Amino acid sequence: MSATSTLQPAALTGPLRPHRRPSILARRVLGLFGWTVDAPGLPAEQGVILVYPHTSNWDFVVGLMAKWAVGIELRFWGKDSLFKAPVVRHWMRWVGGVGVDRSSPHGIVADTVRQMQDAAARGERFWLAAAPEGTRALTSGWRTGAYQVAVQAGVPVGLCYFDFRQRVVSVTRFVMLTGDMQADFAAFADYLGPRVGKRPELASPIQPRAVPGPRT
C-alpha cells in the first residue's frame, strides 16, 4: 500500500433494487427483542457485503433473522466439509451457504469471482456476505478475500453493521472500491469503526491483516 492516498471509494446513490421475499414473521421476532433492520435494497444484481463487527455467536442468529426479515438474498462462505452430510448440506444451501474448497488450484477468490460472473451471465442475483474478521476472537485486522472478490469482479460493496447498542442491522451504504487498499480500508473504518458489537472488546481493527511470511 502507498503511504498516502487521495482516492476515495465512490458512494452509490442511485435507485435500489428491492428485496424479493421479506418475512413479516422474522421482522416481528426481531422486534420482540428490540431489533430493527434498515436495508431498503441493493444497487446491483451482484456484489459483496462486508459485515462488522463480528464478536459473538449471536451475530449469526441476528444476521439470519435480518436476512429473512427483509428478504435479502445473500450467499456466504462455508467449509466444504459442512456440505457433505445430506441434511446439513441442504440446510446450508437453503440459508445461502456456498461450499469453499480450500484445495482448489484457482483459490477461493478466483472461484467466487467466476461464480459471480456466471450468475451475471444467467441473469441471477449473487451477493456474497462476509465477516472479514473471520473469527469472533480479537485479531490484528481483516482477512481480505471478500475485498479481493469485489475488486476483481468489479462489483459494489455494501457496508453492513450489527450495532448491539442501538439494536439495528443496517445495510444502506454501498461503494465502488478504488482498488487502493489503504484508501478503501480508511473509508471502511470511518463508517464502520463506531459501531458497537455484542462484545466490543473483541472487535478487530479495520485494517488488512498481516500475512505471515515464510518460515526460515
C-alpha atoms as a PDB file:
ATOM      1  CA  MET A   1       0.000   0.000   0.000  1.00  0.00           C
ATOM      2  CA  SER A   2       1.109   3.549  -0.626  1.00  0.00           C
ATOM      3  CA  ALA A   3       1.999   5.821   2.284  1.00  0.00           C
ATOM      4  CA  THR A   4      -0.706   8.357   1.348  1.00  0.00           C
ATOM      5  CA  SER A   5      -3.684   8.351  -0.972  1.00  0.00           C
ATOM      6  CA  THR A   6      -6.222  10.884  -2.177  1.00  0.00           C
ATOM      7  CA  LEU A   7      -8.512   8.211  -3.626  1.00  0.00           C
ATOM      8  CA  GLN A   8     -11.893   7.596  -2.065  1.00  0.00           C
ATOM      9  CA  PRO A   9     -14.428   4.824  -2.778  1.00  0.00           C
ATOM     10  CA  ALA A  10     -17.325   6.238  -4.769  1.00  0.00           C
ATOM     11  CA  ALA A  11     -20.631   6.124  -2.878  1.00  0.00           C
ATOM     12  CA  LEU A  12     -23.530   4.694  -4.881  1.00  0.00           C
ATOM     13  CA  THR A  13     -26.649   6.847  -4.615  1.00  0.00           C
ATOM     14  CA  GLY A  14     -28.852   5.611  -7.462  1.00  0.00           C
ATOM     15  CA  PRO A  15     -32.107   3.639  -7.225  1.00  0.00           C
ATOM     16  CA  LEU A  16     -32.025   0.354  -5.331  1.00  0.00           C
ATOM     17  CA  ARG A  17     -33.371  -2.992  -6.466  1.00  0.00           C
ATOM     18  CA  PRO A  18     -35.953  -4.144  -3.906  1.00  0.00           C
ATOM     19  CA  HIS A  19     -35.578  -7.364  -1.961  1.00  0.00           C
ATOM     20  CA  ARG A  20     -37.837 -10.173  -3.104  1.00  0.00           C
ATOM     21  CA  ARG A  21     -39.234 -12.221  -0.214  1.00  0.00           C
ATOM     22  CA  PRO A  22     -39.473 -10.287   3.071  1.00  0.00           C
ATOM     23  CA  SER A  23     -40.745 -12.189   6.104  1.00  0.00           C
ATOM     24  CA  ILE A  24     -43.175 -10.393   8.386  1.00  0.00           C
ATOM     25  CA  LEU A  25     -42.710 -13.159  10.967  1.00  0.00           C
ATOM     26  CA  ALA A  26     -38.930 -12.717  11.106  1.00  0.00           C
ATOM     27  CA  ARG A  27     -39.322  -8.950  11.411  1.00  0.00           C
ATOM     28  CA  ARG A  28     -41.760  -9.400  14.282  1.00  0.00           C
ATOM     29  CA  VAL A  29     -39.446 -11.839  16.064  1.00  0.00           C
ATOM     30  CA  LEU A  30     -36.604  -9.327  15.825  1.00  0.00           C
ATOM     31  CA  GLY A  31     -38.949  -6.614  17.026  1.00  0.00           C
ATOM     32  CA  LEU A  32     -39.774  -8.618  20.144  1.00  0.00           C
ATOM     33  CA  PHE A  33     -36.117  -8.320  21.113  1.00  0.00           C
ATOM     34  CA  GLY A  34     -35.907  -4.643  20.178  1.00  0.00           C
ATOM     35  CA  TRP A  35     -34.109  -5.079  16.849  1.00  0.00           C
ATOM     36  CA  THR A  36     -34.804  -3.218  13.619  1.00  0.00           C
ATOM     37  CA  VAL A  37     -33.418  -3.775  10.122  1.00  0.00           C
ATOM     38  CA  ASP A  38     -32.551  -0.920   7.781  1.00  0.00           C
ATOM     39  CA  ALA A  39     -31.866  -2.484   4.373  1.00  0.00           C
ATOM     40  CA  PRO A  40     -34.037  -0.964   1.634  1.00  0.00           C
ATOM     41  CA  GLY A  41     -32.464  -2.699  -1.360  1.00  0.00           C
ATOM     42  CA  LEU A  42     -29.373  -3.448  -3.442  1.00  0.00           C
ATOM     43  CA  PRO A  43     -27.741  -1.268  -6.134  1.00  0.00           C
ATOM     44  CA  ALA A  44     -26.886  -4.143  -8.494  1.00  0.00           C
ATOM     45  CA  GLU A  45     -27.537  -7.829  -9.097  1.00  0.00           C
ATOM     46  CA  GLN A  46     -24.047  -8.856  -7.960  1.00  0.00           C
ATOM     47  CA  GLY A  47     -21.882  -7.556  -5.153  1.00  0.00           C
ATOM     48  CA  VAL A  48     -20.198  -8.120  -1.799  1.00  0.00           C
ATOM     49  CA  ILE A  49     -21.425  -7.177   1.675  1.00  0.00           C
ATOM     50  CA  LEU A  50     -18.838  -6.736   4.432  1.00  0.00           C
ATOM     51  CA  VAL A  51     -20.270  -7.295   7.910  1.00  0.00           C
ATOM     52  CA  TYR A  52     -18.736  -5.716  11.016  1.00  0.00           C
ATOM     53  CA  PRO A  53     -18.227  -6.187  13.906  1.00  0.00           C
ATOM     54  CA  HIS A  54     -18.245  -9.965  14.470  1.00  0.00           C
ATOM     55  CA  THR A  55     -17.718 -10.644  18.162  1.00  0.00           C
ATOM     56  CA  SER A  56     -20.343 -13.222  19.179  1.00  0.00           C
ATOM     57  CA  ASN A  57     -22.235 -16.324  18.083  1.00  0.00           C
ATOM     58  CA  TRP A  58     -25.355 -14.157  18.309  1.00  0.00           C
ATOM     59  CA  ASP A  59     -24.209 -12.327  15.180  1.00  0.00           C
ATOM     60  CA  PHE A  60     -25.175 -15.300  13.004  1.00  0.00           C
ATOM     61  CA  VAL A  61     -28.604 -15.592  14.634  1.00  0.00           C
ATOM     62  CA  VAL A  62     -29.360 -11.873  14.322  1.00  0.00           C
ATOM     63  CA  GLY A  63     -27.968 -11.791  10.796  1.00  0.00           C
ATOM     64  CA  LEU A  64     -30.024 -14.755   9.630  1.00  0.00           C
ATOM     65  CA  MET A  65     -33.215 -13.290  11.080  1.00  0.00           C
ATOM     66  CA  ALA A  66     -32.414  -9.917   9.481  1.00  0.00           C
ATOM     67  CA  LYS A  67     -31.829 -11.619   6.118  1.00  0.00           C
ATOM     68  CA  TRP A  68     -35.254 -13.264   6.304  1.00  0.00           C
ATOM     69  CA  ALA A  69     -36.944 -10.118   7.663  1.00  0.00           C
ATOM     70  CA  VAL A  70     -36.119  -8.037   4.585  1.00  0.00           C
ATOM     71  CA  GLY A  71     -35.868 -10.883   2.064  1.00  0.00           C
ATOM     72  CA  ILE A  72     -32.310 -10.079   1.053  1.00  0.00           C
ATOM     73  CA  GLU A  73     -30.704 -12.868  -0.979  1.00  0.00           C
ATOM     74  CA  LEU A  74     -27.176 -13.494   0.264  1.00  0.00           C
ATOM     75  CA  ARG A  75     -24.510 -16.155  -0.095  1.00  0.00           C
ATOM     76  CA  PHE A  76     -21.785 -16.808   2.451  1.00  0.00           C
ATOM     77  CA  TRP A  77     -18.670 -18.941   2.522  1.00  0.00           C
ATOM     78  CA  GLY A  78     -18.727 -22.204   4.468  1.00  0.00           C
ATOM     79  CA  LYS A  79     -16.256 -25.039   4.821  1.00  0.00           C
ATOM     80  CA  ASP A  80     -16.883 -27.664   2.158  1.00  0.00           C
ATOM     81  CA  SER A  81     -16.966 -30.335   4.895  1.00  0.00           C
ATOM     82  CA  LEU A  82     -20.267 -28.834   6.088  1.00  0.00           C
ATOM     83  CA  PHE A  83     -21.849 -29.686   2.734  1.00  0.00           C
ATOM     84  CA  LYS A  84     -21.062 -33.406   2.822  1.00  0.00           C
ATOM     85  CA  ALA A  85     -23.765 -34.548   5.244  1.00  0.00           C
ATOM     86  CA  PRO A  86     -27.097 -34.539   3.317  1.00  0.00           C
ATOM     87  CA  VAL A  87     -29.246 -32.840   5.959  1.00  0.00           C
ATOM     88  CA  VAL A  88     -26.666 -30.186   6.817  1.00  0.00           C
ATOM     89  CA  ARG A  89     -25.867 -29.646   3.118  1.00  0.00           C
ATOM     90  CA  HIS A  90     -29.485 -28.892   2.247  1.00  0.00           C
ATOM     91  CA  TRP A  91     -29.867 -26.545   5.214  1.00  0.00           C
ATOM     92  CA  MET A  92     -26.626 -24.711   4.436  1.00  0.00           C
ATOM     93  CA  ARG A  93     -27.651 -24.190   0.824  1.00  0.00           C
ATOM     94  CA  TRP A  94     -31.125 -23.098   1.883  1.00  0.00           C
ATOM     95  CA  VAL A  95     -29.738 -20.317   4.088  1.00  0.00           C
ATOM     96  CA  GLY A  96     -27.266 -19.239   1.378  1.00  0.00           C
ATOM     97  CA  GLY A  97     -24.102 -21.195   2.123  1.00  0.00           C
ATOM     98  CA  VAL A  98     -21.501 -21.662  -0.613  1.00  0.00           C
ATOM     99  CA  GLY A  99     -19.057 -24.519  -0.109  1.00  0.00           C
ATOM    100  CA  VAL A 100     -15.400 -23.436  -0.086  1.00  0.00           C
ATOM    101  CA  ASP A 101     -12.832 -25.879  -1.407  1.00  0.00           C
ATOM    102  CA  ARG A 102      -9.570 -24.655   0.057  1.00  0.00           C
ATOM    103  CA  SER A 103      -7.658 -27.141  -2.105  1.00  0.00           C
ATOM    104  CA  SER A 104      -8.933 -25.556  -5.338  1.00  0.00           C
ATOM    105  CA  PRO A 105      -5.990 -24.772  -7.636  1.00  0.00           C
ATOM    106  CA  HIS A 106      -7.596 -21.440  -8.543  1.00  0.00           C
ATOM    107  CA  GLY A 107      -8.171 -20.279  -4.969  1.00  0.00           C
ATOM    108  CA  ILE A 108     -11.315 -19.193  -3.128  1.00  0.00           C
ATOM    109  CA  VAL A 109     -11.286 -15.652  -4.534  1.00  0.00           C
ATOM    110  CA  ALA A 110     -10.965 -16.710  -8.175  1.00  0.00           C
ATOM    111  CA  ASP A 111     -13.605 -19.428  -7.772  1.00  0.00           C
ATOM    112  CA  THR A 112     -16.066 -16.960  -6.221  1.00  0.00           C
ATOM    113  CA  VAL A 113     -15.399 -14.330  -8.894  1.00  0.00           C
ATOM    114  CA  ARG A 114     -16.152 -16.973 -11.532  1.00  0.00           C
ATOM    115  CA  GLN A 115     -19.376 -17.993  -9.745  1.00  0.00           C
ATOM    116  CA  MET A 116     -20.429 -14.344  -9.587  1.00  0.00           C
ATOM    117  CA  GLN A 117     -19.685 -13.810 -13.268  1.00  0.00           C
ATOM    118  CA  ASP A 118     -21.570 -16.987 -14.192  1.00  0.00           C
ATOM    119  CA  ALA A 119     -24.567 -15.777 -12.188  1.00  0.00           C
ATOM    120  CA  ALA A 120     -24.433 -12.434 -14.001  1.00  0.00           C
ATOM    121  CA  ALA A 121     -24.410 -14.215 -17.361  1.00  0.00           C
ATOM    122  CA  ARG A 122     -27.531 -16.144 -16.319  1.00  0.00           C
ATOM    123  CA  GLY A 123     -29.247 -13.007 -15.038  1.00  0.00           C
ATOM    124  CA  GLU A 124     -29.193 -14.290 -11.455  1.00  0.00           C
ATOM    125  CA  ARG A 125     -28.566 -12.353  -8.262  1.00  0.00           C
ATOM    126  CA  PHE A 126     -25.345 -13.175  -6.394  1.00  0.00           C
ATOM    127  CA  TRP A 127     -24.362 -11.162  -3.341  1.00  0.00           C
ATOM    128  CA  LEU A 128     -21.647 -12.568  -1.094  1.00  0.00           C
ATOM    129  CA  ALA A 129     -21.833 -11.626   2.590  1.00  0.00           C
ATOM    130  CA  ALA A 130     -18.672 -11.992   4.646  1.00  0.00           C
ATOM    131  CA  ALA A 131     -17.474 -11.105   8.137  1.00  0.00           C
ATOM    132  CA  PRO A 132     -13.884 -10.224   7.214  1.00  0.00           C
ATOM    133  CA  GLU A 133     -12.598 -10.589  10.760  1.00  0.00           C
ATOM    134  CA  GLY A 134     -13.037 -14.311  10.104  1.00  0.00           C
ATOM    135  CA  THR A 135     -13.424 -15.148  13.793  1.00  0.00           C
ATOM    136  CA  ARG A 136     -15.153 -13.912  16.926  1.00  0.00           C
ATOM    137  CA  ALA A 137     -11.766 -13.510  18.649  1.00  0.00           C
ATOM    138  CA  LEU A 138      -9.714 -10.328  18.600  1.00  0.00           C
ATOM    139  CA  THR A 139      -7.264 -10.337  15.681  1.00  0.00           C
ATOM    140  CA  SER A 140      -4.824  -7.897  14.115  1.00  0.00           C
ATOM    141  CA  GLY A 141      -7.236  -6.982  11.307  1.00  0.00           C
ATOM    142  CA  TRP A 142      -9.420  -8.208   8.461  1.00  0.00           C
ATOM    143  CA  ARG A 143      -8.922 -11.007   6.019  1.00  0.00           C
ATOM    144  CA  THR A 144      -9.000  -9.567   2.517  1.00  0.00           C
ATOM    145  CA  GLY A 145     -10.560 -12.395   0.484  1.00  0.00           C
ATOM    146  CA  ALA A 146     -14.026 -10.853   0.155  1.00  0.00           C
ATOM    147  CA  TYR A 147     -12.445  -7.465  -0.594  1.00  0.00           C
ATOM    148  CA  GLN A 148     -10.431  -9.050  -3.413  1.00  0.00           C
ATOM    149  CA  VAL A 149     -13.585 -10.671  -4.812  1.00  0.00           C
ATOM    150  CA  ALA A 150     -15.202  -7.236  -5.107  1.00  0.00           C
ATOM    151  CA  VAL A 151     -12.105  -5.693  -6.701  1.00  0.00           C
ATOM    152  CA  GLN A 152     -11.562  -8.498  -9.214  1.00  0.00           C
ATOM    153  CA  ALA A 153     -15.245  -8.845 -10.115  1.00  0.00           C
ATOM    154  CA  GLY A 154     -15.721  -5.064 -10.336  1.00  0.00           C
ATOM    155  CA  VAL A 155     -18.854  -5.152  -8.179  1.00  0.00           C
ATOM    156  CA  PRO A 156     -20.139  -2.798  -5.469  1.00  0.00           C
ATOM    157  CA  VAL A 157     -19.559  -3.327  -1.770  1.00  0.00           C
ATOM    158  CA  GLY A 158     -22.239  -2.888   0.879  1.00  0.00           C
ATOM    159  CA  LEU A 159     -21.102  -1.916   4.374  1.00  0.00           C
ATOM    160  CA  CYS A 160     -23.251  -3.725   6.937  1.00  0.00           C
ATOM    161  CA  TYR A 161     -23.128  -3.307  10.684  1.00  0.00           C
ATOM    162  CA  PHE A 162     -24.727  -5.055  13.641  1.00  0.00           C
ATOM    163  CA  ASP A 163     -24.940  -2.416  16.371  1.00  0.00           C
ATOM    164  CA  PHE A 164     -25.887  -4.109  19.642  1.00  0.00           C
ATOM    165  CA  ARG A 165     -26.112  -0.785  21.481  1.00  0.00           C
ATOM    166  CA  GLN A 166     -28.779   0.578  19.136  1.00  0.00           C
ATOM    167  CA  ARG A 167     -30.057  -2.904  18.203  1.00  0.00           C
ATOM    168  CA  VAL A 168     -30.044  -2.235  14.493  1.00  0.00           C
ATOM    169  CA  VAL A 169     -28.814  -4.137  11.462  1.00  0.00           C
ATOM    170  CA  SER A 170     -28.032  -1.693   8.678  1.00  0.00           C
ATOM    171  CA  VAL A 171     -27.097  -2.161   5.023  1.00  0.00           C
ATOM    172  CA  THR A 172     -27.601   1.267   3.500  1.00  0.00           C
ATOM    173  CA  ARG A 173     -24.140   2.354   2.352  1.00  0.00           C
ATOM    174  CA  PHE A 174     -22.775   0.994  -0.926  1.00  0.00           C
ATOM    175  CA  VAL A 175     -19.486   1.956  -2.567  1.00  0.00           C
ATOM    176  CA  MET A 176     -17.360   1.122  -5.587  1.00  0.00           C
ATOM    177  CA  LEU A 177     -13.843   0.329  -4.435  1.00  0.00           C
ATOM    178  CA  THR A 178     -10.770   2.121  -5.726  1.00  0.00           C
ATOM    179  CA  GLY A 179      -8.520  -0.932  -5.555  1.00  0.00           C
ATOM    180  CA  ASP A 180      -6.187   1.108  -3.342  1.00  0.00           C
ATOM    181  CA  MET A 181      -6.416  -0.951  -0.163  1.00  0.00           C
ATOM    182  CA  GLN A 182      -5.276   1.883   2.092  1.00  0.00           C
ATOM    183  CA  ALA A 183      -7.936   4.269   0.789  1.00  0.00           C
ATOM    184  CA  ASP A 184     -10.691   1.674   0.801  1.00  0.00           C
ATOM    185  CA  PHE A 185      -9.970   0.461   4.333  1.00  0.00           C
ATOM    186  CA  ALA A 186      -9.799   4.037   5.606  1.00  0.00           C
ATOM    187  CA  ALA A 187     -13.347   4.548   4.275  1.00  0.00           C
ATOM    188  CA  PHE A 188     -14.481   1.295   5.881  1.00  0.00           C
ATOM    189  CA  ALA A 189     -13.036   2.408   9.222  1.00  0.00           C
ATOM    190  CA  ASP A 190     -14.693   5.838   9.058  1.00  0.00           C
ATOM    191  CA  TYR A 191     -18.118   4.301   8.559  1.00  0.00           C
ATOM    192  CA  LEU A 192     -17.962   1.033  10.495  1.00  0.00           C
ATOM    193  CA  GLY A 193     -15.482   1.903  13.242  1.00  0.00           C
ATOM    194  CA  PRO A 194     -18.002   3.500  15.654  1.00  0.00           C
ATOM    195  CA  ARG A 195     -20.394   0.519  15.571  1.00  0.00           C
ATOM    196  CA  VAL A 196     -20.732  -1.490  18.793  1.00  0.00           C
ATOM    197  CA  GLY A 197     -20.755  -5.292  18.741  1.00  0.00           C
ATOM    198  CA  LYS A 198     -22.042  -7.705  21.363  1.00  0.00           C
ATOM    199  CA  ARG A 199     -18.547  -7.843  22.886  1.00  0.00           C
ATOM    200  CA  PRO A 200     -16.875  -4.562  21.885  1.00  0.00           C
ATOM    201  CA  GLU A 201     -13.505  -5.574  23.275  1.00  0.00           C
ATOM    202  CA  LEU A 202     -13.263  -8.315  20.621  1.00  0.00           C
ATOM    203  CA  ALA A 203     -13.855  -6.076  17.600  1.00  0.00           C
ATOM    204  CA  SER A 204     -10.733  -6.264  15.440  1.00  0.00           C
ATOM    205  CA  PRO A 205      -9.198  -3.102  13.959  1.00  0.00           C
ATOM    206  CA  ILE A 206     -10.391  -2.282  10.446  1.00  0.00           C
ATOM    207  CA  GLN A 207      -7.163  -2.816   8.583  1.00  0.00           C
ATOM    208  CA  PRO A 208      -5.786  -5.586   6.364  1.00  0.00           C
ATOM    209  CA  ARG A 209      -4.490  -8.473   8.417  1.00  0.00           C
ATOM    210  CA  ALA A 210      -0.773  -9.030   8.011  1.00  0.00           C
ATOM    211  CA  VAL A 211       0.064 -12.223   6.149  1.00  0.00           C
ATOM    212  CA  PRO A 212       2.789 -14.254   7.905  1.00  0.00           C
ATOM    213  CA  GLY A 213       5.950 -14.615   5.867  1.00  0.00           C
ATOM    214  CA  PRO A 214       7.550 -17.972   5.113  1.00  0.00           C
ATOM    215  CA  ARG A 215       9.323 -19.713   7.939  1.00  0.00           C
ATOM    216  CA  THR A 216      13.096 -19.788   7.803  1.00  0.00           C
END
